[in-house]
Amino acid sequence: MFTELSKLPSVDKLLQQPDLSRLIKIHSQPLVVESCRATLAEIRQQVLGGQVAPPLEQVVMAVVARLATVICPSLQPVINATGVIIHTNLGRAMLSQRAQEAMQQVSMSYSNLEYDLQAGERGSRYVHAADLLCQLTGAEDAVVVNNNAAAVILALTVLAKNSDVLISRGQLIEIGGGFRIPDIMAQSGARLREVGTTNRTYQHDFADALSHTETGLILSVHHSNYQIIGFTTEPTLAELVEVGQKYNVPVMQDLGSGTLLDTAPFGLAHEPTIQESLAAGVDLVTASGDKLLGGPQAGLILGQATSIARLRHHPLIRALRVDKITLAALQATLLAYLENKAITEIPVWQMIAAPIAQLAQRVEAWRRAISANNMQLQIKESRSTIGGGSLPGQTLPTVALTITTDSVNDLARQLRQATPPVIARIESQQLWLDPRTVLPAQDHLLIEVLNRCSIQRVKT
């Protein structure tokens, strides 16, 4: 054992090797030295466990491999072939080309983030999106924070701290990542007061609760990622507003997905729009920027000017504020809506609107270009999902390329670990690749990755 240990090279000797000398010039000596030490420590443990000491060349290769892992960013682009359009685990909405360019421009120079060019004095970062949001939705005013959870907790803190918030029992939701309405409400200092029952809540339930409670807010939460079907009733927003106005209590709706476009023309169920909520008379609406809006992660708060002013001047908003990169991307995304170009420019809507014939042509091109050795390739009808807590149960028709092998899990692993990684789904012991969520510009990369995979013998 000790003889084998003595065969291991020193750090100094490793640093003299040409491959590592070259890496020192690229990545700095401390980084290479640390990789040498970590690699030698790992090999030393293997030798102590009874393995033979590897030759110098193999040790150098191990150091190079370790360094490559260290300098490789853990956050990297992937190809989403799952068919889930707003995939929370894969970063939700992709940004439009216009938004990408706006982010790059504002990041490469100083900007008027908080500077009024007309007055020549300090300004507010919130004006860069507020005017566009108001113009698109009819809101009196708007403010943007870093995500929708932040938007909800800010509104509850400002409008309902130390008072009751009325909400239907059927709307006490939990979404991905453990975001629970009761927990958020507790953090804000508001007191949760459940109204009605899980499946049936009426306008009079809210009126009854308001008559004998210290109520600061009526809250309506869009179901977003679930459905209650069967024997169900919920008051409309207009009915809640009527009750709120009678008792002088503000009404707020958390829409979640925050669409500005009607989803019905695309063969989907109608998703409530921000404009519709505001038209119903609610005081505030909160929504996400990176779901059906198709922009960057952000929390949008729109509504009455007096309520928005209270939010904007609360100390908590500084901890929740967005940076210049987010505002640039959001402004560019909103401009696409203003110019009626959302469907042609914003990836989420491009995917939703993609014609089935176009998808079929792309899948056929994939099938022809992929080497069929040891693979059984088939084109099958399938369904794409909206995802991201939007339009629960709603799907779009698509066609997918399926691959059958002896080990579909091994193929999925190879795709995940490829460059770039490809994320697919496994269904009925086959790998399914849905073109709806793969950008046309990524088609050649997808084909190259599949052709590099080592596929086992196809099932017979």
Protein backbone atom coordinates (compact mmCIF):
# COMPACT_ATOMS: atom_id res chain seq x y z
CA MET A 1 0.00 0.00 0.00
CA PHE A 2 2.74 2.45 0.99
CA THR A 3 4.66 1.54 -2.13
CA GLU A 4 1.65 2.43 -4.24
CA LEU A 5 1.19 5.71 -2.39
CA SER A 6 4.78 6.65 -3.09
CA LYS A 7 4.07 6.34 -6.83
CA LEU A 8 1.64 9.25 -6.73
CA PRO A 9 3.09 12.48 -8.15
CA SER A 10 3.44 15.64 -6.07
CA VAL A 11 1.45 18.76 -6.80
CA ASP A 12 4.61 20.47 -8.07
CA LYS A 13 5.27 17.66 -10.52
CA LEU A 14 1.70 17.82 -11.79
CA LEU A 15 1.96 21.56 -12.35
CA GLN A 16 4.99 21.01 -14.58
CA GLN A 17 3.00 18.86 -17.00
CA PRO A 18 2.25 20.65 -20.32
CA ASP A 19 -1.53 20.20 -20.13
CA LEU A 20 -1.71 21.71 -16.65
CA SER A 21 0.80 24.46 -17.42
CA ARG A 22 -1.48 25.53 -20.25
CA LEU A 23 -4.52 25.56 -17.94
CA ILE A 24 -2.66 27.75 -15.42
CA LYS A 25 -2.33 30.44 -18.08
CA ILE A 26 -6.05 30.24 -18.80
CA HIS A 27 -7.59 29.77 -15.35
CA SER A 28 -4.91 30.94 -12.84
CA GLN A 29 -2.54 28.86 -10.72
CA PRO A 30 -4.59 28.73 -7.47
CA LEU A 31 -7.54 27.14 -9.26
CA VAL A 32 -5.35 24.47 -10.93
CA VAL A 33 -3.46 23.80 -7.68
CA GLU A 34 -6.73 23.22 -5.83
CA SER A 35 -7.86 20.77 -8.52
CA CYS A 36 -4.54 18.92 -8.23
CA ARG A 37 -4.83 18.63 -4.46
CA ALA A 38 -8.46 17.48 -4.58
CA THR A 39 -7.69 14.91 -7.29
CA LEU A 40 -4.68 13.52 -5.42
CA ALA A 41 -6.69 13.27 -2.21
CA GLU A 42 -9.37 11.26 -3.99
CA ILE A 43 -6.85 8.95 -5.64
CA ARG A 44 -5.01 8.52 -2.31
CA GLN A 45 -8.23 7.23 -0.72
CA GLN A 46 -8.69 4.79 -3.61
CA VAL A 47 -5.14 3.45 -3.13
CA LEU A 48 -5.71 3.07 0.61
CA GLY A 49 -8.76 1.05 -0.33
CA GLY A 50 -6.58 -1.40 -2.25
CA GLN A 51 -6.43 0.04 -5.78
CA VAL A 52 -3.23 0.40 -7.77
CA ALA A 53 -1.78 3.89 -8.19
CA PRO A 54 -2.61 5.22 -11.68
CA PRO A 55 0.12 6.41 -14.07
CA LEU A 56 1.02 10.10 -14.25
CA GLU A 57 -0.89 10.63 -17.51
CA GLN A 58 -4.09 9.33 -15.95
CA VAL A 59 -3.69 11.58 -12.92
CA VAL A 60 -3.26 14.59 -15.22
CA MET A 61 -6.43 13.62 -17.10
CA ALA A 62 -8.30 13.38 -13.81
CA VAL A 63 -7.14 16.87 -12.82
CA VAL A 64 -8.23 18.27 -16.19
CA ALA A 65 -11.63 16.62 -15.84
CA ARG A 66 -12.10 17.96 -12.31
CA LEU A 67 -11.16 21.47 -13.36
CA ALA A 68 -13.60 21.32 -16.26
CA THR A 69 -16.35 20.46 -13.78
CA VAL A 70 -15.36 23.30 -11.45
CA ILE A 71 -15.37 26.01 -14.12
CA CYS A 72 -18.53 24.77 -15.85
CA PRO A 73 -21.50 26.90 -14.74
CA SER A 74 -24.11 24.84 -12.92
CA LEU A 75 -26.85 26.96 -14.51
CA GLN A 76 -26.87 26.28 -18.24
CA PRO A 77 -29.24 26.27 -21.22
CA VAL A 78 -31.15 23.07 -21.98
CA ILE A 79 -33.41 21.91 -24.79
CA ASN A 80 -36.93 21.37 -23.50
CA ALA A 81 -38.50 18.52 -25.47
CA THR A 82 -41.06 17.62 -22.79
CA GLY A 83 -43.98 19.45 -24.37
CA VAL A 84 -44.57 21.50 -21.19
CA ILE A 85 -44.50 25.11 -22.39
CA ILE A 86 -44.11 26.97 -19.09
CA HIS A 87 -41.87 24.44 -17.35
CA THR A 88 -41.11 25.70 -13.84
CA ASN A 89 -38.12 23.37 -13.38
CA LEU A 90 -36.65 24.51 -16.69
CA GLY A 91 -36.90 28.25 -16.09
CA ARG A 92 -40.51 28.94 -17.11
CA ALA A 93 -40.94 31.38 -20.00
CA MET A 94 -38.19 31.99 -22.52
CA LEU A 95 -37.63 35.63 -23.38
CA SER A 96 -38.21 37.17 -26.78
CA GLN A 97 -35.38 38.39 -28.97
CA ARG A 98 -36.47 41.94 -28.25
CA ALA A 99 -36.28 41.33 -24.50
CA GLN A 100 -32.85 39.71 -24.79
CA GLU A 101 -31.51 42.68 -26.73
CA ALA A 102 -32.96 45.14 -24.22
CA MET A 103 -31.30 43.29 -21.35
CA GLN A 104 -27.96 43.29 -23.13
CA GLN A 105 -28.11 46.98 -23.97
CA VAL A 106 -28.98 48.11 -20.47
CA SER A 107 -26.34 45.84 -18.90
CA MET A 108 -23.52 47.16 -21.08
CA SER A 109 -23.80 50.82 -20.07
CA TYR A 110 -25.13 53.18 -17.47
CA SER A 111 -28.87 53.79 -17.66
CA ASN A 112 -31.55 56.16 -16.42
CA LEU A 113 -32.82 53.51 -14.00
CA GLU A 114 -33.56 56.09 -11.28
CA TYR A 115 -32.85 59.32 -13.12
CA ASP A 116 -35.40 61.65 -14.71
CA LEU A 117 -33.91 62.78 -18.00
CA GLN A 118 -36.45 65.59 -18.40
CA ALA A 119 -36.05 67.08 -14.93
CA GLY A 120 -32.37 66.28 -14.56
CA GLU A 121 -32.84 64.83 -11.09
CA ARG A 122 -33.45 61.58 -9.23
CA GLY A 123 -36.35 59.56 -10.57
CA SER A 124 -38.10 56.24 -9.87
CA ARG A 125 -37.28 52.84 -11.34
CA TYR A 126 -40.95 51.90 -11.31
CA VAL A 127 -42.00 54.28 -14.08
CA HIS A 128 -40.27 52.17 -16.72
CA ALA A 129 -43.00 49.51 -16.64
CA ALA A 130 -45.93 51.22 -14.93
CA ASP A 131 -47.05 53.36 -17.87
CA LEU A 132 -47.05 50.39 -20.26
CA LEU A 133 -48.94 48.18 -17.80
CA CYS A 134 -51.57 50.86 -17.33
CA GLN A 135 -51.91 51.47 -21.05
CA LEU A 136 -52.36 47.74 -21.74
CA THR A 137 -54.78 46.98 -18.91
CA GLY A 138 -56.61 50.16 -17.99
CA ALA A 139 -55.16 50.18 -14.47
CA GLU A 140 -54.81 53.54 -12.74
CA ASP A 141 -51.29 52.68 -11.59
CA ALA A 142 -48.90 49.74 -11.30
CA VAL A 143 -45.74 48.68 -9.52
CA VAL A 144 -43.37 45.76 -10.15
CA VAL A 145 -41.56 43.59 -7.58
CA ASN A 146 -39.32 40.55 -7.97
CA ASN A 147 -42.00 37.81 -8.18
CA ASN A 148 -45.69 37.19 -7.62
CA ALA A 149 -45.20 35.77 -4.13
CA ALA A 150 -43.52 39.06 -3.22
CA ALA A 151 -46.40 40.97 -4.79
CA VAL A 152 -48.94 39.09 -2.66
CA ILE A 153 -47.03 39.45 0.61
CA LEU A 154 -46.40 43.16 -0.01
CA ALA A 155 -50.08 43.84 -0.70
CA LEU A 156 -51.22 41.84 2.34
CA THR A 157 -48.68 43.57 4.59
CA VAL A 158 -49.64 47.06 3.48
CA LEU A 159 -53.41 46.63 3.22
CA ALA A 160 -54.28 44.04 5.85
CA LYS A 161 -51.64 43.76 8.58
CA ASN A 162 -53.24 43.03 11.97
CA SER A 163 -56.67 42.63 10.37
CA ASP A 164 -58.77 39.84 8.88
CA VAL A 165 -58.48 38.75 5.25
CA LEU A 166 -61.53 36.93 3.89
CA ILE A 167 -60.90 34.13 1.39
CA SER A 168 -62.99 31.21 0.17
CA ARG A 169 -61.94 27.83 1.59
CA GLY A 170 -61.71 26.51 -1.96
CA GLN A 171 -58.93 29.00 -2.77
CA LEU A 172 -56.42 28.14 -0.03
CA ILE A 173 -53.96 26.97 -2.63
CA GLU A 174 -50.44 25.61 -2.60
CA ILE A 175 -48.33 25.99 -5.73
CA GLY A 176 -44.87 24.69 -6.64
CA GLY A 177 -42.05 25.21 -4.18
CA GLY A 178 -44.32 25.16 -1.13
CA PHE A 179 -45.97 28.57 -1.69
CA ARG A 180 -49.08 28.38 0.46
CA ILE A 181 -51.60 31.18 0.79
CA PRO A 182 -52.10 30.61 4.57
CA ASP A 183 -48.33 30.72 5.19
CA ILE A 184 -47.86 33.89 3.13
CA MET A 185 -50.75 35.49 4.94
CA ALA A 186 -49.23 34.65 8.33
CA GLN A 187 -45.91 36.20 7.31
CA SER A 188 -47.65 39.42 6.29
CA GLY A 189 -49.23 39.84 9.72
CA ALA A 190 -52.74 39.44 8.34
CA ARG A 191 -55.25 37.07 9.92
CA LEU A 192 -56.73 34.38 7.69
CA ARG A 193 -60.50 34.04 7.87
CA GLU A 194 -61.94 31.22 5.78
CA VAL A 195 -65.33 31.77 4.17
CA GLY A 196 -67.81 29.22 2.88
CA THR A 197 -66.88 25.61 2.13
CA THR A 198 -64.32 23.93 -0.08
CA ASN A 199 -66.65 23.46 -3.02
CA ARG A 200 -69.42 26.02 -2.48
CA THR A 201 -69.02 29.64 -1.38
CA TYR A 202 -71.61 32.37 -1.87
CA GLN A 203 -71.65 36.16 -1.89
CA HIS A 204 -73.64 36.18 1.34
CA ASP A 205 -70.88 34.19 3.09
CA PHE A 206 -68.57 37.17 2.62
CA ALA A 207 -71.27 39.64 3.64
CA ASP A 208 -71.98 37.65 6.81
CA ALA A 209 -68.28 37.54 7.71
CA LEU A 210 -67.83 41.25 7.07
CA SER A 211 -70.67 42.18 9.39
CA HIS A 212 -68.86 40.97 12.52
CA THR A 213 -65.11 40.97 11.82
CA GLU A 214 -62.28 43.48 11.64
CA THR A 215 -61.70 42.93 7.95
CA GLY A 216 -58.92 44.66 6.06
CA LEU A 217 -59.21 42.89 2.72
CA ILE A 218 -61.23 40.48 0.62
CA LEU A 219 -58.88 38.18 -1.30
CA SER A 220 -59.74 36.12 -4.37
CA VAL A 221 -57.12 33.64 -5.58
CA HIS A 222 -57.27 32.15 -9.07
CA HIS A 223 -57.11 28.36 -8.91
CA SER A 224 -54.17 28.37 -11.37
CA ASN A 225 -52.98 24.76 -11.03
CA TYR A 226 -56.06 22.80 -9.98
CA GLN A 227 -59.79 22.45 -10.61
CA ILE A 228 -62.78 21.83 -8.40
CA ILE A 229 -65.48 20.16 -10.45
CA GLY A 230 -68.98 18.88 -9.78
CA PHE A 231 -71.19 20.50 -7.16
CA THR A 232 -69.40 23.88 -6.98
CA THR A 233 -70.19 27.56 -6.60
CA GLU A 234 -68.02 30.66 -6.22
CA PRO A 235 -69.04 34.32 -6.19
CA THR A 236 -67.92 36.32 -9.20
CA LEU A 237 -65.40 39.10 -8.85
CA ALA A 238 -68.17 41.62 -9.47
CA GLU A 239 -70.13 40.14 -6.56
CA LEU A 240 -67.11 40.36 -4.27
CA VAL A 241 -66.55 43.97 -5.32
CA GLU A 242 -70.20 44.73 -4.56
CA VAL A 243 -69.78 43.37 -1.04
CA GLY A 244 -66.48 45.18 -0.56
CA GLN A 245 -67.89 48.50 -1.63
CA LYS A 246 -70.88 48.10 0.68
CA TYR A 247 -68.60 47.64 3.70
CA ASN A 248 -65.76 49.88 2.42
CA VAL A 249 -63.29 46.96 2.27
CA PRO A 250 -60.80 46.64 -0.64
CA VAL A 251 -60.88 43.57 -2.89
CA MET A 252 -57.73 42.01 -4.32
CA GLN A 253 -57.29 39.17 -6.79
CA ASP A 254 -54.16 37.06 -7.18
CA LEU A 255 -54.32 35.92 -10.80
CA GLY A 256 -51.01 34.05 -10.86
CA SER A 257 -50.51 33.44 -14.57
CA GLY A 258 -51.33 37.01 -15.56
CA THR A 259 -52.31 36.67 -19.18
CA LEU A 260 -53.04 39.72 -21.31
CA LEU A 261 -54.44 37.64 -24.20
CA ASP A 262 -57.57 35.53 -24.42
CA THR A 263 -56.57 31.87 -24.54
CA ALA A 264 -59.87 30.62 -26.03
CA PRO A 265 -58.96 31.33 -29.71
CA PHE A 266 -56.10 28.82 -29.36
CA GLY A 267 -58.40 25.94 -28.44
CA LEU A 268 -57.89 26.37 -24.70
CA ALA A 269 -60.29 27.18 -21.90
CA HIS A 270 -60.68 30.86 -21.16
CA GLU A 271 -58.06 32.10 -18.70
CA PRO A 272 -59.06 35.29 -16.83
CA THR A 273 -57.05 38.26 -18.06
CA ILE A 274 -55.68 41.13 -16.01
CA GLN A 275 -57.93 43.50 -17.95
CA GLU A 276 -61.05 41.54 -16.99
CA SER A 277 -60.17 41.57 -13.29
CA LEU A 278 -59.62 45.31 -13.29
CA ALA A 279 -62.83 45.88 -15.23
CA ALA A 280 -64.70 43.97 -12.51
CA GLY A 281 -63.68 46.73 -10.11
CA VAL A 282 -61.10 45.08 -7.85
CA ASP A 283 -58.71 47.39 -6.03
CA LEU A 284 -55.59 45.35 -6.83
CA VAL A 285 -54.56 42.52 -9.13
CA THR A 286 -51.30 40.58 -8.76
CA ALA A 287 -49.75 38.39 -11.44
CA SER A 288 -46.49 36.81 -12.59
CA GLY A 289 -44.32 38.22 -15.33
CA ASP A 290 -42.79 34.91 -16.42
CA LYS A 291 -45.84 32.72 -17.00
CA LEU A 292 -48.42 33.47 -19.68
CA LEU A 293 -47.17 37.03 -19.92
CA GLY A 294 -43.99 35.51 -21.37
CA GLY A 295 -41.55 37.93 -19.76
CA PRO A 296 -38.93 37.84 -16.98
CA GLN A 297 -39.57 36.73 -13.41
CA ALA A 298 -41.48 39.57 -11.81
CA GLY A 299 -44.52 40.29 -9.68
CA LEU A 300 -46.97 42.72 -11.23
CA ILE A 301 -49.32 44.72 -9.02
CA LEU A 302 -51.95 46.78 -10.80
CA GLY A 303 -55.01 48.71 -9.67
CA GLN A 304 -56.19 51.84 -7.96
CA ALA A 305 -53.69 54.67 -7.68
CA THR A 306 -54.24 55.22 -3.95
CA SER A 307 -53.52 51.56 -3.11
CA ILE A 308 -50.48 51.38 -5.42
CA ALA A 309 -49.08 54.57 -3.84
CA ARG A 310 -49.26 52.93 -0.41
CA LEU A 311 -47.34 49.91 -1.70
CA ARG A 312 -44.73 52.02 -3.45
CA HIS A 313 -43.92 53.96 -0.29
CA HIS A 314 -43.76 51.00 2.10
CA PRO A 315 -40.25 50.12 3.39
CA LEU A 316 -40.68 46.45 2.38
CA ILE A 317 -40.72 47.29 -1.32
CA ARG A 318 -36.98 48.02 -1.28
CA ALA A 319 -36.28 44.41 -0.28
CA LEU A 320 -38.53 43.18 -3.09
CA ARG A 321 -37.55 45.56 -5.88
CA VAL A 322 -36.50 44.49 -9.38
CA ASP A 323 -33.20 45.37 -11.04
CA LYS A 324 -32.53 47.15 -14.33
CA ILE A 325 -32.14 43.86 -16.27
CA THR A 326 -35.60 42.67 -15.27
CA LEU A 327 -37.19 46.02 -16.02
CA ALA A 328 -35.56 46.15 -19.45
CA ALA A 329 -36.87 42.68 -20.33
CA LEU A 330 -40.34 43.42 -18.96
CA GLN A 331 -40.58 46.72 -20.82
CA ALA A 332 -39.56 45.04 -24.10
CA THR A 333 -42.11 42.25 -23.54
CA LEU A 334 -44.91 44.73 -22.86
CA LEU A 335 -44.01 46.70 -25.97
CA ALA A 336 -44.64 43.56 -28.04
CA TYR A 337 -48.18 43.45 -26.63
CA LEU A 338 -48.66 47.15 -27.24
CA GLU A 339 -47.67 46.69 -30.90
CA ASN A 340 -49.90 43.59 -31.22
CA LYS A 341 -46.84 41.38 -31.85
CA ALA A 342 -47.04 39.06 -28.85
CA ILE A 343 -48.01 35.97 -30.86
CA THR A 344 -45.20 36.44 -33.35
CA GLU A 345 -42.47 37.61 -30.95
CA ILE A 346 -42.96 36.04 -27.51
CA PRO A 347 -41.88 32.35 -27.32
CA VAL A 348 -44.71 31.26 -24.99
CA TRP A 349 -47.32 32.48 -27.45
CA GLN A 350 -45.36 31.26 -30.47
CA MET A 351 -45.48 27.77 -28.96
CA ILE A 352 -49.16 27.97 -28.04
CA ALA A 353 -50.05 29.18 -31.54
CA ALA A 354 -47.77 26.77 -33.45
CA PRO A 355 -49.80 24.99 -36.20
CA ILE A 356 -49.95 21.21 -35.95
CA ALA A 357 -48.88 20.87 -39.59
CA GLN A 358 -45.70 22.82 -38.89
CA LEU A 359 -44.91 20.63 -35.90
CA ALA A 360 -45.46 17.50 -37.97
CA GLN A 361 -43.00 18.71 -40.63
CA ARG A 362 -40.31 19.31 -38.04
CA VAL A 363 -40.77 15.91 -36.40
CA GLU A 364 -40.53 14.20 -39.78
CA ALA A 365 -37.29 16.10 -40.44
CA TRP A 366 -35.96 14.88 -37.08
CA ARG A 367 -36.85 11.28 -37.92
CA ARG A 368 -35.05 11.42 -41.27
CA ALA A 369 -31.93 13.04 -39.83
CA ILE A 370 -31.46 10.78 -36.79
CA SER A 371 -29.41 7.63 -37.27
CA ALA A 372 -31.78 4.70 -36.76
CA ASN A 373 -29.11 2.24 -35.65
CA ASN A 374 -30.39 0.34 -32.63
CA MET A 375 -33.40 2.67 -32.37
CA GLN A 376 -37.02 2.36 -33.31
CA LEU A 377 -38.32 5.78 -34.30
CA GLN A 378 -42.02 6.52 -34.63
CA ILE A 379 -44.13 9.64 -35.05
CA LYS A 380 -47.20 9.67 -32.83
CA GLU A 381 -49.99 12.03 -31.91
CA SER A 382 -49.68 13.52 -28.43
CA ARG A 383 -50.70 16.46 -26.24
CA SER A 384 -48.64 19.44 -25.10
CA THR A 385 -49.24 21.03 -21.69
CA ILE A 386 -49.27 24.72 -20.82
CA GLY A 387 -47.71 24.21 -17.36
CA GLY A 388 -46.47 26.79 -14.87
CA GLY A 389 -49.66 26.70 -12.82
CA SER A 390 -51.69 27.90 -15.79
CA LEU A 391 -54.79 26.39 -17.38
CA PRO A 392 -54.96 23.18 -15.31
CA GLY A 393 -56.01 20.16 -17.36
CA GLN A 394 -55.76 22.07 -20.63
CA THR A 395 -53.61 20.62 -23.43
CA LEU A 396 -52.85 21.30 -27.08
CA PRO A 397 -52.66 18.68 -29.86
CA THR A 398 -49.15 17.90 -31.05
CA VAL A 399 -47.08 15.21 -32.73
CA ALA A 400 -44.03 13.72 -31.10
CA LEU A 401 -41.06 11.57 -32.03
CA THR A 402 -40.92 8.42 -29.92
CA ILE A 403 -37.80 6.30 -29.43
CA THR A 404 -37.86 2.70 -28.27
CA THR A 405 -34.69 1.07 -26.89
CA ASP A 406 -33.78 -1.68 -24.46
CA SER A 407 -33.06 0.98 -21.82
CA VAL A 408 -35.12 4.11 -22.23
CA ASN A 409 -33.90 5.38 -18.84
CA ASP A 410 -30.28 5.13 -19.98
CA LEU A 411 -31.09 7.09 -23.13
CA ALA A 412 -32.85 9.78 -21.08
CA ARG A 413 -29.78 9.98 -18.83
CA GLN A 414 -27.45 10.37 -21.81
CA LEU A 415 -29.62 13.16 -23.18
CA ARG A 416 -29.66 14.97 -19.82
CA GLN A 417 -25.87 14.78 -19.57
CA ALA A 418 -25.20 15.81 -23.17
CA THR A 419 -24.02 19.20 -24.42
CA PRO A 420 -26.46 20.83 -24.61
CA PRO A 421 -28.65 18.80 -22.25
CA VAL A 422 -31.91 17.56 -23.76
CA ILE A 423 -34.86 17.01 -21.42
CA ALA A 424 -37.52 14.63 -22.74
CA ARG A 425 -40.32 12.64 -21.13
CA ILE A 426 -40.79 8.91 -20.68
CA GLU A 427 -44.21 7.45 -21.37
CA SER A 428 -45.27 3.85 -22.07
CA GLN A 429 -41.61 2.74 -21.91
CA GLN A 430 -40.71 5.10 -24.75
CA LEU A 431 -38.84 8.39 -24.94
CA TRP A 432 -41.07 11.18 -26.27
CA LEU A 433 -39.72 14.35 -27.91
CA ASP A 434 -42.30 17.11 -28.45
CA PRO A 435 -41.35 19.80 -31.02
CA ARG A 436 -43.75 22.39 -29.61
CA THR A 437 -41.30 23.32 -26.84
CA VAL A 438 -38.13 22.97 -28.93
CA LEU A 439 -37.15 26.17 -30.72
CA PRO A 440 -36.76 25.63 -34.48
CA ALA A 441 -33.22 27.01 -34.16
CA GLN A 442 -32.45 24.12 -31.77
CA ASP A 443 -33.49 21.35 -34.17
CA HIS A 444 -29.96 20.72 -35.45
CA LEU A 445 -28.59 20.56 -31.88
CA LEU A 446 -31.24 18.04 -30.86
CA ILE A 447 -30.38 15.86 -33.85
CA GLU A 448 -26.64 16.08 -33.15
CA VAL A 449 -27.11 15.06 -29.51
CA LEU A 450 -29.29 12.08 -30.42
CA ASN A 451 -26.83 10.92 -33.05
CA ARG A 452 -24.00 11.03 -30.48
CA CYS A 453 -25.87 8.83 -27.99
CA SER A 454 -24.76 5.25 -27.49
CA ILE A 455 -28.05 3.40 -27.99
CA GLN A 456 -28.56 -0.16 -26.87
CA ARG A 457 -30.12 -2.83 -29.03
CA VAL A 458 -33.70 -1.99 -29.96
CA LYS A 459 -36.49 -4.08 -28.52
CA THR A 460 -37.84 -6.75 -30.85
